[in-house]
Amino acid sequence: MVTSREAEITDDGVLVVAGREVEHRHDSHESEMSLMPIDSALVGALHVEYLRERDLGGDEHLHHTLFQTSTLDALLEGKYDGDVSFAELEGRGDFGLGTLDALDGEMICLDGNFFQVKADGLAYSVEGKARTPFAVVTVFEPDTSKTLSKPMDFEGLCDHLDRVIGGGATCCAIRVDGCFDHVKTRSVPRQHKPYPPLVEIVENQPIFELHDVSGSLVGFRFPDYAQGLNVSGYHFHFITADRSRGGHVLGCRLARGELYIDHEGDLRLELPPDVGLPTPDRSAKKGETLDRIERE
């Protein structure tokens, strides 16, 4: 059973959890952040580096490393103000997903290009000055590739991925390029303050049905114990091969395609000033909320 622990920042800026050390960029003016809840199992599986927005520039290329800004729990709470620019984000990865300032649509990053799927279901290029309140990206370096020659629906694809990836503690970036009989996607319109909770917004989300289309699934698998930090299990966005349409994936049927998997080992996490690390919550109520947001 995973338990929540207190993580302490030492004087030299190192985050220590259950005897393990995690690099933490610390400033003397942020003493109020010296104690924060963290899931020790997450630290045991991923090297989690905690950053502030000003620490984002000038990093070397890191292999098999995820970069994430903010947390899923913060998004659930209605914290939609963009904290990191896409100019900064592009230095951290060429593959990923997320959203934009004020929850203005779904974001897809593929081959180093950022796209915004707005509430009309159409994909638009994202300018570097635009900002995101939540995104996860990586430099995509697949270590596993397979041809998917048999048709499968979304559940069948996830089951197949479980067999290929293996143990549930593994975090992966996943790309599927292929021909799809059907893809069901959604997006959300730009929100206005005071921001409503995400679960209320998706009750009236625009839904799009794409048929006989070529394109790419862009997504991640996070372990169950990462719930709150990101979506536990599989989370995919889709964009067509001509980069004209897409969105958050609610379902699909793949006719055939190519699968690429990048097993990740590290997570670099940027937190806005008003966001802390989440406390694990595996209650049925939390699970139902996530299902309403991610899969319905």
Protein backbone atom coordinates (compact mmCIF):
# COMPACT_ATOMS: atom_id res chain seq x y z
CA MET A 1 0.00 0.00 0.00
CA VAL A 2 1.36 3.38 -0.99
CA THR A 3 1.29 6.08 1.66
CA SER A 4 1.76 9.82 1.48
CA ARG A 5 4.92 11.09 3.15
CA GLU A 6 6.29 14.44 4.14
CA ALA A 7 9.20 15.50 1.94
CA GLU A 8 11.73 17.88 3.43
CA ILE A 9 14.01 20.28 1.58
CA THR A 10 17.47 20.37 3.12
CA ASP A 11 19.51 23.56 3.42
CA ASP A 12 21.42 22.75 0.24
CA GLY A 13 18.23 22.39 -1.77
CA VAL A 14 17.86 18.59 -1.90
CA LEU A 15 14.44 16.99 -1.58
CA VAL A 16 14.66 13.89 0.63
CA VAL A 17 11.89 11.29 0.67
CA ALA A 18 12.17 7.98 2.51
CA GLY A 19 15.94 8.07 2.33
CA ARG A 20 16.09 8.94 -1.38
CA GLU A 21 17.34 12.25 -2.72
CA VAL A 22 15.64 14.22 -5.47
CA GLU A 23 17.21 17.37 -6.89
CA HIS A 24 15.26 20.48 -5.98
CA ARG A 25 16.00 24.00 -7.12
CA HIS A 26 15.37 26.03 -4.03
CA ASP A 27 15.31 29.73 -3.31
CA SER A 28 15.60 31.24 0.16
CA HIS A 29 12.49 33.32 -0.56
CA GLU A 30 10.40 30.14 -0.96
CA SER A 31 10.66 28.82 2.58
CA GLU A 32 6.90 28.27 2.63
CA MET A 33 7.45 25.42 0.15
CA SER A 34 9.99 23.61 2.34
CA LEU A 35 7.44 20.96 3.30
CA MET A 36 5.04 19.39 0.82
CA PRO A 37 3.16 16.09 0.43
CA ILE A 38 4.60 13.62 -2.06
CA ASP A 39 3.97 10.01 -2.96
CA SER A 40 7.12 8.10 -2.07
CA ALA A 41 6.38 5.37 -4.63
CA LEU A 42 6.46 7.96 -7.41
CA VAL A 43 9.89 9.09 -6.28
CA GLY A 44 10.96 5.47 -6.08
CA ALA A 45 10.11 4.90 -9.74
CA LEU A 46 10.91 8.29 -11.24
CA HIS A 47 13.57 10.84 -10.45
CA VAL A 48 11.31 13.83 -9.83
CA GLU A 49 13.00 17.20 -10.09
CA TYR A 50 10.97 20.09 -8.73
CA LEU A 51 11.46 23.39 -10.54
CA ARG A 52 10.16 26.92 -10.60
CA GLU A 53 9.36 28.71 -13.86
CA ARG A 54 12.54 30.80 -13.72
CA ASP A 55 14.65 27.61 -13.78
CA LEU A 56 13.54 26.54 -17.26
CA GLY A 57 16.23 27.99 -19.49
CA GLY A 58 19.46 26.59 -20.85
CA ASP A 59 19.22 22.90 -19.99
CA GLU A 60 21.12 20.18 -21.79
CA HIS A 61 19.27 17.52 -23.76
CA LEU A 62 18.10 14.82 -21.33
CA HIS A 63 17.34 11.32 -22.57
CA HIS A 64 14.13 9.48 -21.58
CA THR A 65 13.04 12.39 -19.42
CA LEU A 66 9.56 13.86 -19.13
CA PHE A 67 9.01 17.54 -18.50
CA GLN A 68 5.67 18.54 -17.00
CA THR A 69 4.25 21.88 -16.00
CA SER A 70 1.75 21.89 -13.12
CA THR A 71 -0.39 18.87 -12.15
CA LEU A 72 -3.64 17.25 -13.16
CA ASP A 73 -5.13 18.01 -9.74
CA ALA A 74 -4.44 21.73 -10.25
CA LEU A 75 -6.27 21.55 -13.58
CA LEU A 76 -9.20 19.78 -11.93
CA GLU A 77 -9.37 22.64 -9.44
CA GLY A 78 -9.72 25.23 -12.21
CA LYS A 79 -6.17 26.59 -12.28
CA TYR A 80 -6.12 27.42 -15.99
CA ASP A 81 -3.79 30.44 -16.16
CA GLY A 82 -0.79 29.69 -18.38
CA ASP A 83 2.51 29.55 -16.50
CA VAL A 84 5.03 28.35 -19.12
CA SER A 85 5.38 29.65 -22.69
CA PHE A 86 5.55 27.33 -25.67
CA ALA A 87 8.92 28.89 -26.54
CA GLU A 88 10.15 27.51 -23.22
CA LEU A 89 8.32 24.23 -23.66
CA GLU A 90 9.84 23.49 -27.07
CA GLY A 91 13.25 23.40 -25.43
CA ARG A 92 12.06 20.54 -23.27
CA GLY A 93 10.58 18.18 -25.83
CA ASP A 94 9.30 17.50 -29.34
CA PHE A 95 6.41 15.21 -28.39
CA GLY A 96 3.57 15.61 -25.92
CA LEU A 97 0.15 16.89 -25.00
CA GLY A 98 -1.62 19.39 -22.77
CA THR A 99 -3.82 22.47 -23.03
CA LEU A 100 -3.47 26.23 -23.44
CA ASP A 101 -4.05 29.33 -21.33
CA ALA A 102 -7.64 29.56 -20.03
CA LEU A 103 -8.15 25.90 -21.08
CA ASP A 104 -8.42 27.04 -24.70
CA GLY A 105 -8.53 23.68 -26.48
CA GLU A 106 -6.37 20.56 -26.62
CA MET A 107 -2.64 20.69 -27.35
CA ILE A 108 -0.65 18.17 -29.38
CA CYS A 109 3.12 18.28 -29.87
CA LEU A 110 4.41 16.06 -32.67
CA ASP A 111 7.77 16.12 -34.45
CA GLY A 112 8.61 19.36 -32.65
CA ASN A 113 5.49 21.21 -33.82
CA PHE A 114 2.79 22.42 -31.42
CA PHE A 115 -0.88 22.36 -32.44
CA GLN A 116 -3.99 23.67 -30.73
CA VAL A 117 -7.27 21.91 -31.44
CA LYS A 118 -9.92 24.50 -30.65
CA ALA A 119 -13.60 23.99 -29.85
CA ASP A 120 -14.34 23.82 -33.59
CA GLY A 121 -12.29 20.62 -33.85
CA LEU A 122 -9.74 22.22 -36.17
CA ALA A 123 -5.98 22.27 -35.52
CA TYR A 124 -4.00 25.53 -35.48
CA SER A 125 -0.29 26.21 -35.06
CA VAL A 126 0.71 27.52 -31.62
CA GLU A 127 2.86 30.62 -31.32
CA GLY A 128 5.86 30.58 -29.03
CA LYS A 129 4.49 33.42 -26.90
CA ALA A 130 1.33 31.43 -26.06
CA ARG A 131 1.30 29.87 -22.59
CA THR A 132 0.13 26.62 -21.04
CA PRO A 133 -1.24 25.82 -17.58
CA PHE A 134 -0.63 22.07 -18.02
CA ALA A 135 1.51 20.09 -20.44
CA VAL A 136 3.83 17.10 -20.52
CA VAL A 137 6.51 16.70 -23.20
CA THR A 138 9.60 14.64 -23.90
CA VAL A 139 12.28 14.34 -26.54
CA PHE A 140 10.79 11.29 -28.22
CA GLU A 141 13.41 8.55 -28.58
CA PRO A 142 11.51 5.28 -29.01
CA ASP A 143 13.23 2.14 -27.80
CA THR A 144 10.42 -0.17 -28.94
CA SER A 145 8.59 -0.32 -32.27
CA LYS A 146 6.01 -2.77 -33.62
CA THR A 147 3.71 -3.08 -36.61
CA LEU A 148 0.02 -3.25 -35.71
CA SER A 149 -1.46 -5.29 -38.54
CA LYS A 150 -4.77 -6.31 -36.94
CA PRO A 151 -7.75 -3.99 -36.36
CA MET A 152 -8.41 -3.08 -32.73
CA ASP A 153 -10.60 -0.70 -30.81
CA PHE A 154 -9.32 1.64 -28.10
CA GLU A 155 -9.69 -0.90 -25.30
CA GLY A 156 -7.96 -3.54 -27.40
CA LEU A 157 -5.12 -1.13 -28.16
CA CYS A 158 -4.63 -0.38 -24.46
CA ASP A 159 -4.64 -4.11 -23.66
CA HIS A 160 -2.05 -4.68 -26.38
CA LEU A 161 0.08 -1.85 -24.99
CA ASP A 162 -0.07 -3.44 -21.53
CA ARG A 163 1.33 -6.67 -22.97
CA VAL A 164 4.09 -4.89 -24.89
CA ILE A 165 5.12 -2.48 -22.13
CA GLY A 166 4.80 -4.88 -19.21
CA GLY A 167 4.82 -3.88 -15.55
CA GLY A 168 2.37 -1.25 -14.41
CA ALA A 169 5.08 0.83 -12.72
CA THR A 170 6.56 1.86 -16.06
CA CYS A 171 5.97 5.34 -17.45
CA CYS A 172 6.02 5.60 -21.26
CA ALA A 173 5.52 8.02 -24.13
CA ILE A 174 3.51 6.34 -26.91
CA ARG A 175 2.98 7.17 -30.58
CA VAL A 176 0.76 5.29 -33.02
CA ASP A 177 0.81 6.35 -36.68
CA GLY A 178 -1.89 4.65 -38.69
CA CYS A 179 -5.12 4.39 -40.58
CA PHE A 180 -8.21 4.62 -38.41
CA ASP A 181 -11.73 3.51 -39.25
CA HIS A 182 -12.99 5.89 -36.58
CA VAL A 183 -11.66 8.34 -34.01
CA LYS A 184 -13.87 10.05 -31.44
CA THR A 185 -12.34 13.23 -30.06
CA ARG A 186 -13.29 16.23 -27.97
CA SER A 187 -12.04 19.71 -27.24
CA VAL A 188 -13.07 22.48 -24.86
CA PRO A 189 -13.72 26.19 -25.43
CA ARG A 190 -11.68 28.99 -23.86
CA GLN A 191 -12.86 29.71 -20.32
CA HIS A 192 -13.44 33.02 -18.53
CA LYS A 193 -12.92 33.92 -14.89
CA PRO A 194 -14.10 32.91 -12.43
CA TYR A 195 -13.05 29.57 -13.92
CA PRO A 196 -15.48 26.66 -13.42
CA PRO A 197 -14.14 23.22 -12.42
CA LEU A 198 -13.03 21.03 -15.29
CA VAL A 199 -15.66 18.40 -14.54
CA GLU A 200 -18.39 20.99 -15.25
CA ILE A 201 -16.78 22.14 -18.48
CA VAL A 202 -16.63 18.68 -20.06
CA GLU A 203 -20.35 18.15 -19.48
CA ASN A 204 -20.92 20.33 -22.56
CA GLN A 205 -17.74 19.51 -24.48
CA PRO A 206 -17.86 19.56 -28.30
CA ILE A 207 -17.39 16.02 -29.63
CA PHE A 208 -16.11 15.14 -33.10
CA GLU A 209 -16.43 11.90 -35.08
CA LEU A 210 -13.65 11.30 -37.61
CA HIS A 211 -14.04 8.43 -40.10
CA ASP A 212 -11.55 6.71 -42.43
CA VAL A 213 -8.73 8.99 -41.42
CA SER A 214 -4.95 8.73 -41.22
CA GLY A 215 -3.15 10.32 -38.31
CA SER A 216 -1.27 9.89 -35.06
CA LEU A 217 -2.12 9.07 -31.47
CA VAL A 218 0.16 11.01 -29.12
CA GLY A 219 0.07 9.99 -25.50
CA PHE A 220 1.49 8.64 -22.28
CA ARG A 221 1.00 5.88 -19.77
CA PHE A 222 1.48 6.89 -16.15
CA PRO A 223 1.37 4.38 -13.27
CA ASP A 224 -1.63 4.23 -10.95
CA TYR A 225 0.34 5.84 -8.13
CA ALA A 226 0.92 8.96 -10.28
CA GLN A 227 -2.79 9.84 -10.18
CA GLY A 228 -3.15 13.49 -9.29
CA LEU A 229 0.20 14.32 -10.79
CA ASN A 230 -0.99 13.19 -14.21
CA VAL A 231 -3.65 10.85 -15.61
CA SER A 232 -3.02 7.32 -14.38
CA GLY A 233 -3.22 4.81 -17.19
CA TYR A 234 -3.41 5.90 -20.82
CA HIS A 235 -4.04 9.45 -22.04
CA PHE A 236 -4.05 10.18 -25.78
CA HIS A 237 -4.59 13.10 -28.09
CA PHE A 238 -5.00 12.69 -31.86
CA ILE A 239 -4.06 14.72 -34.91
CA THR A 240 -4.72 13.90 -38.54
CA ALA A 241 -1.87 13.27 -40.97
CA ASP A 242 -2.56 16.59 -42.68
CA ARG A 243 -2.51 18.32 -39.25
CA SER A 244 -5.96 19.80 -39.78
CA ARG A 245 -8.14 18.13 -37.10
CA GLY A 246 -7.83 16.29 -33.82
CA GLY A 247 -8.46 16.51 -30.09
CA HIS A 248 -8.54 14.52 -26.88
CA VAL A 249 -9.23 10.86 -27.68
CA LEU A 250 -12.44 9.37 -26.27
CA GLY A 251 -12.35 6.27 -28.45
CA CYS A 252 -11.03 4.90 -31.73
CA ARG A 253 -10.81 1.91 -34.01
CA LEU A 254 -7.41 1.36 -35.58
CA ALA A 255 -7.28 -0.48 -38.92
CA ARG A 256 -3.49 -0.79 -39.05
CA GLY A 257 -0.50 1.20 -37.92
CA GLU A 258 2.97 1.50 -36.46
CA LEU A 259 3.58 1.66 -32.72
CA TYR A 260 6.53 3.47 -31.10
CA ILE A 261 7.25 3.48 -27.35
CA ASP A 262 9.75 5.53 -25.36
CA HIS A 263 10.26 4.20 -21.82
CA GLU A 264 10.81 7.16 -19.50
CA GLY A 265 12.92 7.23 -16.35
CA ASP A 266 12.90 10.82 -15.07
CA LEU A 267 10.32 13.51 -14.53
CA ARG A 268 11.15 17.21 -14.29
CA LEU A 269 8.19 19.00 -12.77
CA GLU A 270 7.60 22.77 -12.91
CA LEU A 271 5.07 24.00 -10.39
CA PRO A 272 3.39 27.42 -10.48
CA PRO A 273 3.63 29.37 -7.21
CA ASP A 274 0.12 28.38 -6.10
CA VAL A 275 0.41 24.66 -6.93
CA GLY A 276 1.81 21.96 -4.67
CA LEU A 277 2.52 18.28 -5.26
CA PRO A 278 -0.68 16.22 -5.02
CA THR A 279 -1.62 13.84 -2.24
CA PRO A 280 -2.57 10.43 -3.69
CA ASP A 281 -6.35 9.87 -3.82
CA ARG A 282 -7.57 6.48 -5.03
CA SER A 283 -11.14 6.89 -3.83
CA ALA A 284 -14.05 5.76 -6.00
CA LYS A 285 -15.24 9.37 -6.20
CA LYS A 286 -11.91 10.57 -7.61
CA GLY A 287 -11.90 7.70 -10.09
CA GLU A 288 -15.40 8.60 -11.30
CA THR A 289 -14.37 12.24 -11.72
CA LEU A 290 -11.36 11.27 -13.83
CA ASP A 291 -13.45 8.94 -15.96
CA ARG A 292 -15.92 11.76 -16.66
CA ILE A 293 -13.08 14.06 -17.70
CA GLU A 294 -10.83 11.69 -19.61
CA ARG A 295 -12.89 8.89 -21.05
CA GLU A 296 -16.56 9.83 -21.42
